[in-house]
């Protein structure tokens, strides 16, 4: 009988160089999407999938991540005194929604190396991995499906989306079999292939359910692309064993790790907020003007 998936791991140790200079003194995961840092959406996604034991893998200069999910008694008291009950409720929910743990990745040696830091915490159980600069909506729906597939098959599973051919060079692209109900058996993953070498347009989408044997595989995985230990290389081993599946989710992925997509994500999330219903008209006015401040 397969063990249930109870734990989520969020790698969040990278420098965020694509978002400089904003990320020089603050973690990219703490950049706000409207009024919440990006990593809060990722933690809430795990909670919405009933994964309330969360390990965040941090690095140098990431103290703000830990502070965000910690209690701030002075702030809570100030909100009480000023009668700001809604803000107080939101702050209390933020700090109580999950049991959050932290470990520091001492050297930035790639995603595969970051995942290795979770070995002791997951303690022989299957676990979810959610990339900290990737948001999925609807929140938790895809992750719940990945959990269901794993618990039915015992295999590792990753979420995939179909991307345009002119963007396949940005992603790990899958060669697959099947496809009924959006579920595939993965034959191989090619990391950032040229368009002419891509076996499909199915790209890894930053959500995984991994099995404990991944740690032993990562321990013997050599340094690969960019002189890093690539999680993709370890997943290839599972694919060769017939132990890797993929699920093409019905939703939308947001990459907040680069400037263009970060801005577009913020705008789209703002447009969905009932308390910011004036945003749409404000954008129309901005687009209609010919004035330029450049």
Protein backbone atom coordinates (compact mmCIF):
# COMPACT_ATOMS: atom_id res chain seq x y z
CA UNK A 1 0.00 0.00 0.00
CA UNK A 2 1.37 3.38 -1.01
CA UNK A 3 1.98 5.94 1.70
CA UNK A 4 -0.17 9.07 1.37
CA UNK A 5 1.37 12.33 0.18
CA UNK A 6 1.42 14.67 3.17
CA UNK A 7 4.41 16.96 2.68
CA UNK A 8 5.33 19.72 0.25
CA UNK A 9 8.80 21.03 -0.55
CA UNK A 10 9.33 24.51 -2.01
CA UNK A 11 12.82 25.26 -3.36
CA UNK A 12 13.43 29.00 -2.89
CA UNK A 13 17.18 29.48 -2.72
CA UNK A 14 17.99 31.08 -6.09
CA UNK A 15 19.30 34.60 -6.60
CA UNK A 16 16.53 35.74 -8.94
CA UNK A 17 18.99 37.39 -11.31
CA UNK A 18 16.37 37.81 -14.05
CA UNK A 19 14.57 40.29 -11.78
CA UNK A 20 17.51 42.46 -10.79
CA UNK A 21 17.81 45.06 -9.38
CA UNK A 22 14.59 44.37 -7.43
CA UNK A 23 16.06 41.11 -6.11
CA UNK A 24 19.42 42.49 -5.04
CA UNK A 25 18.29 42.97 -1.43
CA UNK A 26 15.10 40.90 -1.25
CA UNK A 27 14.18 37.37 -2.32
CA UNK A 28 12.40 37.07 -5.66
CA UNK A 29 9.83 34.91 -3.87
CA UNK A 30 8.87 37.94 -1.75
CA UNK A 31 8.09 40.23 -4.67
CA UNK A 32 4.38 41.07 -4.39
CA UNK A 33 1.66 39.90 -6.73
CA UNK A 34 -0.77 42.71 -5.86
CA UNK A 35 -0.57 42.56 -2.05
CA UNK A 36 0.80 39.07 -1.39
CA UNK A 37 4.34 37.83 -2.01
CA UNK A 38 4.62 35.18 -4.70
CA UNK A 39 5.64 32.46 -2.27
CA UNK A 40 2.46 32.94 -0.26
CA UNK A 41 0.43 31.84 -3.27
CA UNK A 42 2.63 28.74 -3.55
CA UNK A 43 2.18 27.83 0.13
CA UNK A 44 -1.57 28.38 -0.18
CA UNK A 45 -1.63 26.07 -3.20
CA UNK A 46 -0.05 23.31 -1.11
CA UNK A 47 -2.57 23.92 1.68
CA UNK A 48 -5.45 23.86 -0.82
CA UNK A 49 -4.22 20.41 -1.87
CA UNK A 50 -4.29 19.31 1.81
CA UNK A 51 -0.51 19.36 2.13
CA UNK A 52 -0.01 21.30 5.34
CA UNK A 53 3.53 20.17 6.21
CA UNK A 54 5.73 22.48 4.15
CA UNK A 55 9.51 22.61 3.88
CA UNK A 56 10.95 25.74 2.26
CA UNK A 57 14.54 25.38 1.03
CA UNK A 58 16.12 28.79 1.41
CA UNK A 59 19.52 30.32 0.83
CA UNK A 60 21.59 33.36 1.68
CA UNK A 61 19.55 36.54 2.09
CA UNK A 62 16.19 34.78 2.41
CA UNK A 63 15.32 35.76 5.99
CA UNK A 64 12.33 37.75 4.74
CA UNK A 65 10.66 34.50 3.67
CA UNK A 66 10.86 33.11 7.19
CA UNK A 67 9.75 36.41 8.74
CA UNK A 68 6.70 36.55 6.46
CA UNK A 69 5.27 33.28 7.78
CA UNK A 70 6.23 33.96 11.40
CA UNK A 71 4.15 35.66 14.09
CA UNK A 72 4.54 39.41 14.54
CA UNK A 73 3.04 40.14 17.94
CA UNK A 74 3.59 43.89 17.75
CA UNK A 75 1.76 44.11 14.44
CA UNK A 76 -1.08 41.93 15.71
CA UNK A 77 -1.49 44.13 18.77
CA UNK A 78 -1.52 47.28 16.65
CA UNK A 79 -4.20 45.83 14.38
CA UNK A 80 -6.30 44.91 17.43
CA UNK A 81 -6.00 48.41 18.89
CA UNK A 82 -7.02 50.06 15.63
CA UNK A 83 -9.98 47.71 15.09
CA UNK A 84 -8.66 46.37 11.79
CA UNK A 85 -10.25 42.97 12.20
CA UNK A 86 -10.05 41.87 8.56
CA UNK A 87 -6.31 42.54 8.34
CA UNK A 88 -5.79 40.78 11.69
CA UNK A 89 -7.75 37.76 10.48
CA UNK A 90 -5.63 37.61 7.32
CA UNK A 91 -2.38 37.82 9.29
CA UNK A 92 -3.50 35.08 11.70
CA UNK A 93 -4.54 32.83 8.82
CA UNK A 94 -1.17 33.39 7.18
CA UNK A 95 0.77 32.14 10.19
CA UNK A 96 -1.51 29.23 11.11
CA UNK A 97 -2.47 27.65 7.79
CA UNK A 98 0.47 25.23 7.66
CA UNK A 99 3.39 23.86 9.63
CA UNK A 100 6.30 25.51 7.84
CA UNK A 101 9.92 24.41 8.20
CA UNK A 102 13.13 25.75 6.69
CA UNK A 103 16.52 24.46 5.65
CA UNK A 104 19.27 26.39 3.89
CA UNK A 105 20.88 25.19 0.67
CA UNK A 106 24.50 26.11 1.39
CA UNK A 107 25.61 26.11 -2.27
CA UNK A 108 23.44 26.83 -5.29
CA UNK A 109 24.12 23.62 -7.19
CA UNK A 110 20.81 23.27 -8.99
CA UNK A 111 17.25 22.12 -8.40
CA UNK A 112 18.27 18.49 -8.03
CA UNK A 113 20.68 19.41 -5.24
CA UNK A 114 18.01 21.56 -3.56
CA UNK A 115 15.60 18.62 -3.50
CA UNK A 116 18.26 16.48 -1.77
CA UNK A 117 18.04 18.79 1.24
CA UNK A 118 14.51 17.49 1.87
CA UNK A 119 15.61 13.88 2.51
CA UNK A 120 15.45 13.93 6.31
CA UNK A 121 12.24 15.95 6.40
CA UNK A 122 10.21 13.72 4.11
CA UNK A 123 11.51 10.66 5.98
CA UNK A 124 10.83 7.99 3.38
CA UNK A 125 7.46 9.33 2.23
CA UNK A 126 6.39 10.50 -1.22
CA UNK A 127 6.28 14.28 -1.39
CA UNK A 128 5.29 17.22 -3.55
CA UNK A 129 7.72 19.76 -5.01
CA UNK A 130 6.41 23.21 -5.95
CA UNK A 131 8.76 25.68 -7.60
CA UNK A 132 8.66 28.99 -5.75
CA UNK A 133 8.61 31.20 -8.85
CA UNK A 134 5.72 29.39 -10.53
CA UNK A 135 2.04 29.94 -9.70
CA UNK A 136 -0.82 27.71 -10.85
CA UNK A 137 -4.50 28.51 -10.95
CA UNK A 138 -7.00 27.29 -9.91
CA UNK A 139 -5.00 26.91 -6.71
CA UNK A 140 -4.51 23.32 -5.55
CA UNK A 141 -6.54 21.61 -8.30
CA UNK A 142 -3.57 20.37 -10.35
CA UNK A 143 -1.65 19.33 -7.25
CA UNK A 144 -4.57 17.28 -5.95
CA UNK A 145 -4.71 15.46 -9.29
CA UNK A 146 -0.98 14.72 -9.17
CA UNK A 147 -1.45 13.25 -5.70
CA UNK A 148 -4.35 11.10 -6.93
CA UNK A 149 -2.30 9.75 -9.84
CA UNK A 150 0.62 8.89 -7.57
CA UNK A 151 -1.56 7.19 -4.97
CA UNK A 152 -3.23 5.15 -7.72
CA UNK A 153 -0.04 4.14 -9.56
CA UNK A 154 2.82 4.48 -7.09
CA UNK A 155 4.79 6.41 -9.71
CA UNK A 156 6.37 9.83 -9.65
CA UNK A 157 4.25 12.42 -11.47
CA UNK A 158 4.86 15.87 -12.91
CA UNK A 159 2.50 18.52 -14.21
CA UNK A 160 2.91 19.54 -17.85
CA UNK A 161 1.50 22.17 -20.14
CA UNK A 162 1.58 22.58 -23.90
CA UNK A 163 3.80 25.48 -24.98
CA UNK A 164 4.37 27.05 -28.42
CA UNK A 165 7.23 25.55 -30.41
CA UNK A 166 9.10 28.85 -30.31
CA UNK A 167 9.32 28.50 -26.50
CA UNK A 168 10.36 24.84 -26.12
CA UNK A 169 14.00 25.91 -25.67
CA UNK A 170 13.06 27.37 -22.27
CA UNK A 171 11.74 24.13 -20.72
CA UNK A 172 12.20 20.45 -20.10
CA UNK A 173 10.20 18.85 -22.96
CA UNK A 174 8.68 15.38 -22.68
CA UNK A 175 8.40 12.41 -24.98
CA UNK A 176 5.27 10.58 -23.83
CA UNK A 177 2.83 7.77 -24.51
CA UNK A 178 -0.89 7.68 -23.80
CA UNK A 179 -2.86 10.80 -23.01
CA UNK A 180 -6.25 9.56 -21.87
CA UNK A 181 -7.69 12.07 -19.42
CA UNK A 182 -4.56 14.18 -19.81
CA UNK A 183 -2.40 11.46 -18.21
CA UNK A 184 0.78 10.20 -19.90
CA UNK A 185 3.61 7.74 -19.33
CA UNK A 186 6.88 9.61 -19.74
CA UNK A 187 9.51 8.01 -21.98
CA UNK A 188 12.12 10.73 -21.66
CA UNK A 189 12.67 14.41 -20.83
CA UNK A 190 14.90 16.64 -22.93
CA UNK A 191 16.10 19.72 -21.09
CA UNK A 192 15.70 22.90 -23.16
CA UNK A 193 15.89 21.28 -26.62
CA UNK A 194 16.15 23.11 -29.91
CA UNK A 195 12.82 23.35 -31.73
CA UNK A 196 13.86 20.77 -34.30
CA UNK A 197 14.82 18.29 -31.55
CA UNK A 198 11.70 18.66 -29.39
CA UNK A 199 9.66 15.42 -29.25
CA UNK A 200 6.48 17.32 -28.27
CA UNK A 201 5.29 20.65 -26.92
CA UNK A 202 4.63 19.24 -23.44
CA UNK A 203 6.74 21.18 -20.94
CA UNK A 204 7.36 20.58 -17.25
CA UNK A 205 5.26 23.08 -15.29
CA UNK A 206 6.97 23.28 -11.90
CA UNK A 207 4.86 20.79 -9.92
CA UNK A 208 5.97 17.27 -9.03
CA UNK A 209 5.10 14.33 -6.83
CA UNK A 210 8.36 12.51 -6.14
CA UNK A 211 9.07 9.12 -4.60
CA UNK A 212 11.74 8.56 -1.91
CA UNK A 213 14.09 6.69 -4.27
CA UNK A 214 14.71 10.02 -6.01
CA UNK A 215 17.26 10.82 -3.27
CA UNK A 216 19.46 7.82 -4.04
CA UNK A 217 19.25 8.69 -7.73
CA UNK A 218 20.22 12.31 -7.08
CA UNK A 219 23.17 11.20 -4.95
CA UNK A 220 24.79 9.62 -8.02
CA UNK A 221 23.54 12.12 -10.61
CA UNK A 222 26.55 13.91 -12.15
CA UNK A 223 26.68 17.63 -12.73
CA UNK A 224 24.82 18.42 -15.93
CA UNK A 225 23.61 21.52 -17.73
CA UNK A 226 24.99 24.78 -16.25
CA UNK A 227 27.28 22.66 -14.02
CA UNK A 228 24.35 21.91 -11.74
CA UNK A 229 22.65 18.76 -10.48
CA UNK A 230 19.53 18.71 -12.61
CA UNK A 231 16.31 17.20 -11.29
CA UNK A 232 15.49 16.41 -14.92
CA UNK A 233 18.45 14.01 -15.11
CA UNK A 234 17.19 12.11 -12.07
CA UNK A 235 13.66 11.98 -13.48
CA UNK A 236 15.14 10.42 -16.63
CA UNK A 237 16.21 7.44 -14.52
CA UNK A 238 12.65 7.00 -13.25
CA UNK A 239 11.34 7.31 -16.82
CA UNK A 240 13.66 4.52 -18.00
CA UNK A 241 12.27 2.34 -15.21
CA UNK A 242 8.69 3.12 -16.27
CA UNK A 243 8.12 4.96 -12.98
CA UNK A 244 7.33 8.46 -14.25
CA UNK A 245 3.99 9.87 -15.34
CA UNK A 246 2.79 13.29 -16.47
CA UNK A 247 -0.51 15.10 -16.19
CA UNK A 248 -1.55 17.90 -18.52
CA UNK A 249 -3.48 20.16 -16.19
CA UNK A 250 -6.50 22.22 -17.06
CA UNK A 251 -5.59 25.63 -15.74
CA UNK A 252 -2.96 28.34 -16.15
CA UNK A 253 0.66 28.60 -15.12
CA UNK A 254 2.33 31.90 -14.25
CA UNK A 255 6.12 32.31 -14.33
CA UNK A 256 7.00 35.15 -11.99
CA UNK A 257 10.76 34.66 -12.37
CA UNK A 258 11.22 37.10 -15.26
CA UNK A 259 10.23 40.74 -15.65
CA UNK A 260 7.67 40.51 -18.45
CA UNK A 261 5.76 37.57 -16.98
CA UNK A 262 5.96 39.05 -13.49
CA UNK A 263 4.26 42.25 -14.63
CA UNK A 264 1.62 40.38 -16.64
CA UNK A 265 0.90 38.08 -13.70
CA UNK A 266 0.42 41.03 -11.37
CA UNK A 267 -1.99 42.69 -13.81
CA UNK A 268 -4.01 39.53 -14.34
CA UNK A 269 -4.29 38.81 -10.63
CA UNK A 270 -5.32 42.42 -10.00
CA UNK A 271 -8.05 42.17 -12.64
CA UNK A 272 -9.55 39.22 -10.75
CA UNK A 273 -9.77 41.11 -7.46
CA UNK A 274 -13.28 42.39 -6.60
CA UNK A 275 -11.75 45.07 -4.36
CA UNK A 276 -9.77 46.43 -7.31
CA UNK A 277 -12.58 46.62 -9.82
CA UNK A 278 -11.33 49.99 -11.09
CA UNK A 279 -8.17 48.42 -12.50
CA UNK A 280 -9.70 47.44 -15.83
CA UNK A 281 -10.93 50.96 -16.59
CA UNK A 282 -7.63 52.45 -15.44
CA UNK A 283 -5.76 50.18 -17.85
CA UNK A 284 -8.03 51.24 -20.68
CA UNK A 285 -7.24 54.88 -19.97
CA UNK A 286 -3.51 54.18 -19.86
CA UNK A 287 -3.61 52.29 -23.16
CA UNK A 288 -5.70 55.04 -24.79
CA UNK A 289 -3.29 57.84 -23.97
CA UNK A 290 -0.50 58.82 -26.31
CA UNK A 291 1.58 60.44 -23.59
CA UNK A 292 4.92 58.89 -22.81
CA UNK A 293 7.18 59.44 -19.82
CA UNK A 294 10.15 57.67 -21.33
